[in-house]
């Protein structure tokens, strides 16, 4: 069965990707939405 303790790694990946996108593109905010 898969572990449900995956929030921290996902947040870390999203933050790193967000920093890269903000560095390359002219954006002020990035939002991650999911259910």
N, C-alpha and C. Protein backbone atom coordinates (compact mmCIF):
# COMPACT_ATOMS: atom_id res chain seq x y z
N UNK A 1 0.84 -1.19 0.00
CA UNK A 1 0.00 0.00 0.00
C UNK A 1 0.88 1.24 0.00
N UNK A 2 0.49 2.27 -0.73
CA UNK A 2 1.28 3.50 -0.84
C UNK A 2 1.21 4.30 0.45
N UNK A 3 2.28 5.00 0.73
CA UNK A 3 2.34 5.85 1.90
C UNK A 3 1.60 7.15 1.65
N UNK A 4 0.92 7.65 2.67
CA UNK A 4 0.20 8.91 2.54
C UNK A 4 1.04 10.09 3.01
N UNK A 5 2.27 9.84 3.42
CA UNK A 5 3.15 10.90 3.89
C UNK A 5 3.96 11.45 2.71
N UNK A 6 3.27 11.98 1.71
CA UNK A 6 3.94 12.47 0.51
C UNK A 6 3.81 13.97 0.33
N UNK A 7 3.17 14.63 1.25
CA UNK A 7 2.93 16.07 1.09
C UNK A 7 4.22 16.87 1.05
N UNK A 8 5.15 16.61 1.95
CA UNK A 8 6.38 17.39 2.01
C UNK A 8 7.20 17.27 0.72
N UNK A 9 7.45 16.06 0.21
CA UNK A 9 8.22 15.98 -1.04
C UNK A 9 7.52 16.67 -2.22
N UNK A 10 6.22 16.59 -2.27
CA UNK A 10 5.47 17.23 -3.35
C UNK A 10 5.58 18.75 -3.23
N UNK A 11 5.46 19.27 -2.02
CA UNK A 11 5.59 20.72 -1.82
C UNK A 11 7.00 21.19 -2.18
N UNK A 12 7.99 20.41 -1.84
CA UNK A 12 9.38 20.78 -2.16
C UNK A 12 9.59 20.83 -3.68
N UNK A 13 9.09 19.85 -4.38
CA UNK A 13 9.20 19.82 -5.84
C UNK A 13 8.46 21.02 -6.45
N UNK A 14 7.27 21.30 -5.95
CA UNK A 14 6.48 22.41 -6.48
C UNK A 14 7.19 23.74 -6.24
N UNK A 15 7.79 23.92 -5.07
CA UNK A 15 8.50 25.17 -4.78
C UNK A 15 9.72 25.33 -5.69
N UNK A 16 10.47 24.26 -5.88
CA UNK A 16 11.65 24.33 -6.75
C UNK A 16 11.24 24.64 -8.19
N UNK A 17 10.20 23.98 -8.68
CA UNK A 17 9.72 24.22 -10.04
C UNK A 17 9.20 25.65 -10.17
N UNK A 18 8.49 26.11 -9.14
CA UNK A 18 7.98 27.48 -9.15
C UNK A 18 9.09 28.51 -9.24
N UNK A 19 10.16 28.29 -8.49
CA UNK A 19 11.30 29.21 -8.54
C UNK A 19 11.92 29.23 -9.93
N UNK A 20 12.03 28.07 -10.54
CA UNK A 20 12.59 27.99 -11.89
C UNK A 20 11.71 28.73 -12.90
N UNK A 21 10.40 28.52 -12.81
CA UNK A 21 9.47 29.18 -13.73
C UNK A 21 9.53 30.69 -13.54
N UNK A 22 9.52 31.15 -12.29
CA UNK A 22 9.56 32.59 -12.02
C UNK A 22 10.86 33.20 -12.50
N UNK A 23 11.93 32.43 -12.47
CA UNK A 23 13.23 32.91 -12.94
C UNK A 23 13.24 33.06 -14.47
N UNK A 24 12.62 32.12 -15.16
CA UNK A 24 12.64 32.10 -16.62
C UNK A 24 11.56 32.96 -17.26
N UNK A 25 10.42 33.10 -16.61
CA UNK A 25 9.29 33.83 -17.16
C UNK A 25 8.96 35.02 -16.28
N UNK A 26 8.29 35.99 -16.83
CA UNK A 26 7.91 37.18 -16.08
C UNK A 26 6.56 36.94 -15.39
N UNK A 27 6.60 36.21 -14.28
CA UNK A 27 5.39 35.95 -13.50
C UNK A 27 5.60 36.42 -12.07
N UNK A 28 4.52 36.80 -11.43
CA UNK A 28 4.60 37.26 -10.04
C UNK A 28 4.18 36.17 -9.07
N UNK A 29 3.18 35.40 -9.42
CA UNK A 29 2.65 34.37 -8.53
C UNK A 29 2.38 33.10 -9.31
N UNK A 30 2.53 31.99 -8.60
CA UNK A 30 2.22 30.68 -9.16
C UNK A 30 1.35 29.96 -8.14
N UNK A 31 0.27 29.38 -8.60
CA UNK A 31 -0.63 28.66 -7.72
C UNK A 31 -0.71 27.20 -8.13
N UNK A 32 -0.73 26.34 -7.16
CA UNK A 32 -0.91 24.91 -7.40
C UNK A 32 -2.26 24.52 -6.85
N UNK A 33 -3.09 23.97 -7.69
CA UNK A 33 -4.43 23.56 -7.29
C UNK A 33 -4.61 22.08 -7.55
N UNK A 34 -5.21 21.42 -6.65
CA UNK A 34 -5.49 20.01 -6.84
C UNK A 34 -6.50 19.50 -5.84
N UNK A 35 -7.03 18.34 -6.12
CA UNK A 35 -7.99 17.77 -5.19
C UNK A 35 -7.59 16.36 -4.83
